[in-house]
Amino acid sequence: MHLKEGASALPTEQTTTSSSGLDVSKVLLELEVPFSPDQVRWRVTNTTNDKKRGQIVPYADSRAYTDRLNALFTRRAGPASTRSRR
């Protein structure tokens, strides 16, 4: 991605559409949607020395993240993707 001098790579409140026509506000809202419970796993990250207590954190498999991003950024079939190229 090439930015103009002084331009920000991150969307701002004033910027709702990217130069490619992508609705940034909509994408950000869709990225905030929690994963379904069947996609969430739990991992023990810290335990006490006696291993009787610990801290767990939720995480999703990397495939869940990939699927989410593909669903948001892959072109869908439609008039724009079926036009013949000149």
N, C-alpha and C. Protein backbone atom coordinates (compact mmCIF):
# COMPACT_ATOMS: atom_id res chain seq x y z
N MET A 1 0.85 -1.16 0.00
CA MET A 1 0.00 0.00 0.00
C MET A 1 0.90 1.23 0.00
N HIS A 2 0.62 2.16 -0.87
CA HIS A 2 1.36 3.41 -0.95
C HIS A 2 0.52 4.52 -0.36
N LEU A 3 1.13 5.27 0.55
CA LEU A 3 0.42 6.36 1.19
C LEU A 3 1.00 7.69 0.73
N LYS A 4 0.14 8.68 0.63
CA LYS A 4 0.61 10.02 0.36
C LYS A 4 1.31 10.54 1.60
N GLU A 5 2.24 11.46 1.41
CA GLU A 5 2.95 12.02 2.55
C GLU A 5 1.96 12.62 3.54
N GLY A 6 2.11 12.26 4.80
CA GLY A 6 1.22 12.77 5.85
C GLY A 6 -0.06 11.97 6.00
N ALA A 7 -0.29 10.97 5.15
CA ALA A 7 -1.51 10.17 5.23
C ALA A 7 -1.33 9.07 6.27
N SER A 8 -2.42 8.64 6.85
CA SER A 8 -2.40 7.59 7.85
C SER A 8 -2.90 6.28 7.25
N ALA A 9 -2.27 5.16 7.64
CA ALA A 9 -2.72 3.85 7.17
C ALA A 9 -3.95 3.39 7.92
N LEU A 10 -4.21 3.99 9.08
CA LEU A 10 -5.36 3.60 9.88
C LEU A 10 -6.55 4.47 9.56
N PRO A 11 -7.76 3.89 9.57
CA PRO A 11 -8.95 4.69 9.30
C PRO A 11 -9.18 5.69 10.43
N THR A 12 -9.75 6.81 10.10
CA THR A 12 -10.10 7.80 11.11
C THR A 12 -11.61 7.94 11.12
N GLU A 13 -12.11 8.71 12.06
CA GLU A 13 -13.56 8.91 12.13
C GLU A 13 -14.08 9.58 10.86
N GLN A 14 -13.25 10.43 10.22
CA GLN A 14 -13.68 11.11 9.01
C GLN A 14 -13.63 10.19 7.79
N THR A 15 -12.79 9.16 7.83
CA THR A 15 -12.63 8.27 6.70
C THR A 15 -13.55 7.06 6.87
N THR A 16 -14.53 6.92 5.99
CA THR A 16 -15.41 5.76 6.08
C THR A 16 -15.29 4.87 4.85
N THR A 17 -14.68 5.38 3.78
CA THR A 17 -14.52 4.59 2.57
C THR A 17 -13.07 4.67 2.13
N SER A 18 -12.49 3.51 1.80
CA SER A 18 -11.11 3.48 1.33
C SER A 18 -11.06 3.91 -0.12
N SER A 19 -9.86 4.09 -0.64
CA SER A 19 -9.70 4.49 -2.03
C SER A 19 -10.22 3.42 -2.99
N SER A 20 -10.31 2.18 -2.52
CA SER A 20 -10.83 1.09 -3.36
C SER A 20 -12.34 0.94 -3.25
N GLY A 21 -13.00 1.82 -2.46
CA GLY A 21 -14.44 1.77 -2.31
C GLY A 21 -14.91 0.90 -1.17
N LEU A 22 -13.98 0.38 -0.37
CA LEU A 22 -14.32 -0.47 0.77
C LEU A 22 -14.87 0.38 1.91
N ASP A 23 -16.00 -0.01 2.47
CA ASP A 23 -16.60 0.72 3.59
C ASP A 23 -15.87 0.30 4.87
N VAL A 24 -14.92 1.12 5.29
CA VAL A 24 -14.07 0.80 6.43
C VAL A 24 -14.88 0.65 7.71
N SER A 25 -15.84 1.51 7.94
CA SER A 25 -16.65 1.44 9.16
C SER A 25 -17.37 0.10 9.25
N LYS A 26 -17.91 -0.35 8.14
CA LYS A 26 -18.63 -1.63 8.12
C LYS A 26 -17.68 -2.79 8.40
N VAL A 27 -16.50 -2.76 7.79
CA VAL A 27 -15.52 -3.83 8.00
C VAL A 27 -15.09 -3.87 9.46
N LEU A 28 -14.83 -2.72 10.05
CA LEU A 28 -14.42 -2.70 11.45
C LEU A 28 -15.50 -3.25 12.36
N LEU A 29 -16.75 -2.92 12.07
CA LEU A 29 -17.86 -3.47 12.87
C LEU A 29 -17.93 -4.99 12.73
N GLU A 30 -17.73 -5.49 11.51
CA GLU A 30 -17.80 -6.94 11.29
C GLU A 30 -16.63 -7.66 11.94
N LEU A 31 -15.47 -7.01 12.04
CA LEU A 31 -14.33 -7.62 12.71
C LEU A 31 -14.52 -7.71 14.21
N GLU A 32 -15.38 -6.86 14.77
CA GLU A 32 -15.64 -6.87 16.21
C GLU A 32 -16.62 -7.96 16.64
N VAL A 33 -17.28 -8.60 15.70
CA VAL A 33 -18.25 -9.65 16.03
C VAL A 33 -17.50 -10.83 16.67
N PRO A 34 -17.93 -11.26 17.86
CA PRO A 34 -17.24 -12.38 18.52
C PRO A 34 -17.35 -13.67 17.72
N PHE A 35 -16.35 -14.52 17.87
CA PHE A 35 -16.40 -15.83 17.25
C PHE A 35 -17.46 -16.66 17.95
N SER A 36 -18.02 -17.62 17.26
CA SER A 36 -19.03 -18.48 17.87
C SER A 36 -18.35 -19.36 18.94
N PRO A 37 -19.08 -19.75 19.96
CA PRO A 37 -18.50 -20.54 21.06
C PRO A 37 -17.80 -21.82 20.60
N ASP A 38 -18.27 -22.43 19.53
CA ASP A 38 -17.62 -23.66 19.07
C ASP A 38 -16.26 -23.40 18.43
N GLN A 39 -15.93 -22.15 18.14
CA GLN A 39 -14.62 -21.81 17.58
C GLN A 39 -13.63 -21.35 18.64
N VAL A 40 -14.10 -21.18 19.88
CA VAL A 40 -13.24 -20.68 20.95
C VAL A 40 -12.67 -21.85 21.74
N ARG A 41 -11.36 -21.80 21.96
CA ARG A 41 -10.66 -22.80 22.77
C ARG A 41 -10.05 -22.06 23.96
N TRP A 42 -9.62 -22.81 24.95
CA TRP A 42 -9.04 -22.21 26.16
C TRP A 42 -7.65 -22.78 26.37
N ARG A 43 -6.74 -21.91 26.81
CA ARG A 43 -5.36 -22.33 27.02
C ARG A 43 -4.91 -21.85 28.40
N VAL A 44 -4.23 -22.74 29.14
CA VAL A 44 -3.65 -22.37 30.43
C VAL A 44 -2.35 -21.63 30.15
N THR A 45 -2.23 -20.42 30.69
CA THR A 45 -1.02 -19.63 30.42
C THR A 45 -0.10 -19.52 31.63
N ASN A 46 -0.64 -19.46 32.81
CA ASN A 46 0.16 -19.33 34.03
C ASN A 46 -0.40 -20.27 35.08
N THR A 47 0.48 -20.88 35.84
CA THR A 47 0.03 -21.72 36.96
C THR A 47 0.89 -21.40 38.19
N THR A 48 0.34 -21.71 39.35
CA THR A 48 1.12 -21.56 40.57
C THR A 48 2.15 -22.69 40.62
N ASN A 49 3.13 -22.56 41.49
CA ASN A 49 4.17 -23.58 41.60
C ASN A 49 3.61 -24.96 41.91
N ASP A 50 2.53 -25.01 42.71
CA ASP A 50 1.95 -26.31 43.06
C ASP A 50 0.96 -26.81 42.00
N LYS A 51 0.76 -26.04 40.95
CA LYS A 51 -0.11 -26.39 39.81
C LYS A 51 -1.59 -26.55 40.18
N LYS A 52 -1.99 -26.01 41.34
CA LYS A 52 -3.38 -26.12 41.76
C LYS A 52 -4.24 -24.97 41.24
N ARG A 53 -3.62 -23.87 40.85
CA ARG A 53 -4.36 -22.73 40.31
C ARG A 53 -3.65 -22.24 39.05
N GLY A 54 -4.43 -21.66 38.17
CA GLY A 54 -3.83 -21.14 36.96
C GLY A 54 -4.68 -20.07 36.31
N GLN A 55 -4.17 -19.51 35.26
CA GLN A 55 -4.87 -18.50 34.49
C GLN A 55 -5.13 -19.08 33.10
N ILE A 56 -6.35 -18.90 32.61
CA ILE A 56 -6.67 -19.38 31.27
C ILE A 56 -7.09 -18.20 30.40
N VAL A 57 -6.84 -18.35 29.10
CA VAL A 57 -7.22 -17.30 28.14
C VAL A 57 -7.92 -17.96 26.96
N PRO A 58 -8.92 -17.26 26.42
CA PRO A 58 -9.60 -17.80 25.23
C PRO A 58 -8.78 -17.49 23.98
N TYR A 59 -8.89 -18.34 22.99
CA TYR A 59 -8.27 -18.08 21.70
C TYR A 59 -9.05 -18.82 20.63
N ALA A 60 -8.90 -18.40 19.42
CA ALA A 60 -9.52 -19.08 18.28
C ALA A 60 -8.41 -19.66 17.42
N ASP A 61 -8.71 -20.75 16.77
CA ASP A 61 -7.77 -21.37 15.85
C ASP A 61 -7.45 -20.38 14.73
N SER A 62 -6.25 -20.41 14.22
CA SER A 62 -5.85 -19.46 13.17
C SER A 62 -6.76 -19.56 11.94
N ARG A 63 -7.35 -20.73 11.71
CA ARG A 63 -8.25 -20.90 10.57
C ARG A 63 -9.50 -20.02 10.72
N ALA A 64 -9.97 -19.82 11.94
CA ALA A 64 -11.13 -18.96 12.18
C ALA A 64 -10.83 -17.53 11.77
N TYR A 65 -9.62 -17.06 12.09
CA TYR A 65 -9.22 -15.71 11.70
C TYR A 65 -9.11 -15.59 10.18
N THR A 66 -8.49 -16.59 9.56
CA THR A 66 -8.34 -16.59 8.10
C THR A 66 -9.69 -16.60 7.41
N ASP A 67 -10.59 -17.44 7.89
CA ASP A 67 -11.93 -17.51 7.30
C ASP A 67 -12.66 -16.18 7.43
N ARG A 68 -12.53 -15.53 8.58
CA ARG A 68 -13.19 -14.23 8.80
C ARG A 68 -12.65 -13.19 7.83
N LEU A 69 -11.33 -13.12 7.70
CA LEU A 69 -10.72 -12.14 6.79
C LEU A 69 -11.07 -12.43 5.33
N ASN A 70 -11.05 -13.70 4.96
CA ASN A 70 -11.43 -14.05 3.58
C ASN A 70 -12.86 -13.67 3.29
N ALA A 71 -13.75 -13.88 4.25
CA ALA A 71 -15.16 -13.53 4.05
C ALA A 71 -15.33 -12.03 3.86
N LEU A 72 -14.52 -11.23 4.52
CA LEU A 72 -14.64 -9.78 4.43
C LEU A 72 -13.94 -9.17 3.22
N PHE A 73 -12.83 -9.76 2.80
CA PHE A 73 -12.01 -9.10 1.78
C PHE A 73 -11.91 -9.81 0.44
N THR A 74 -12.47 -11.00 0.32
CA THR A 74 -12.44 -11.69 -0.97
C THR A 74 -13.59 -11.19 -1.81
N ARG A 75 -13.31 -10.88 -3.05
CA ARG A 75 -14.38 -10.40 -3.93
C ARG A 75 -15.43 -11.47 -4.11
N ARG A 76 -16.66 -11.03 -4.02
CA ARG A 76 -17.77 -11.95 -4.24
C ARG A 76 -18.17 -11.90 -5.70
N ALA A 77 -18.72 -12.99 -6.19
CA ALA A 77 -19.18 -13.03 -7.57
C ALA A 77 -20.28 -12.00 -7.76
N GLY A 78 -20.24 -11.31 -8.84
CA GLY A 78 -21.23 -10.28 -9.11
C GLY A 78 -20.83 -9.48 -10.32
N PRO A 79 -21.57 -8.45 -10.63
CA PRO A 79 -21.31 -7.68 -11.84
C PRO A 79 -19.88 -7.16 -11.96
N ALA A 80 -19.29 -6.68 -10.86
CA ALA A 80 -17.95 -6.11 -10.94
C ALA A 80 -16.90 -7.18 -11.22
N SER A 81 -17.10 -8.39 -10.70
CA SER A 81 -16.08 -9.43 -10.89
C SER A 81 -16.29 -10.21 -12.18
N THR A 82 -17.41 -10.05 -12.84
CA THR A 82 -17.66 -10.81 -14.07
C THR A 82 -17.46 -9.99 -15.33
N ARG A 83 -17.13 -8.71 -15.18
CA ARG A 83 -16.89 -7.87 -16.36
C ARG A 83 -15.66 -8.37 -17.10
N SER A 84 -15.72 -8.28 -18.40
CA SER A 84 -14.56 -8.68 -19.19
C SER A 84 -13.52 -7.58 -19.11
N ARG A 85 -12.26 -7.99 -19.10
CA ARG A 85 -11.17 -7.02 -19.02
C ARG A 85 -10.79 -6.58 -20.42
N ARG A 86 -10.45 -5.33 -20.55
CA ARG A 86 -10.06 -4.79 -21.86
C ARG A 86 -8.57 -4.70 -21.98
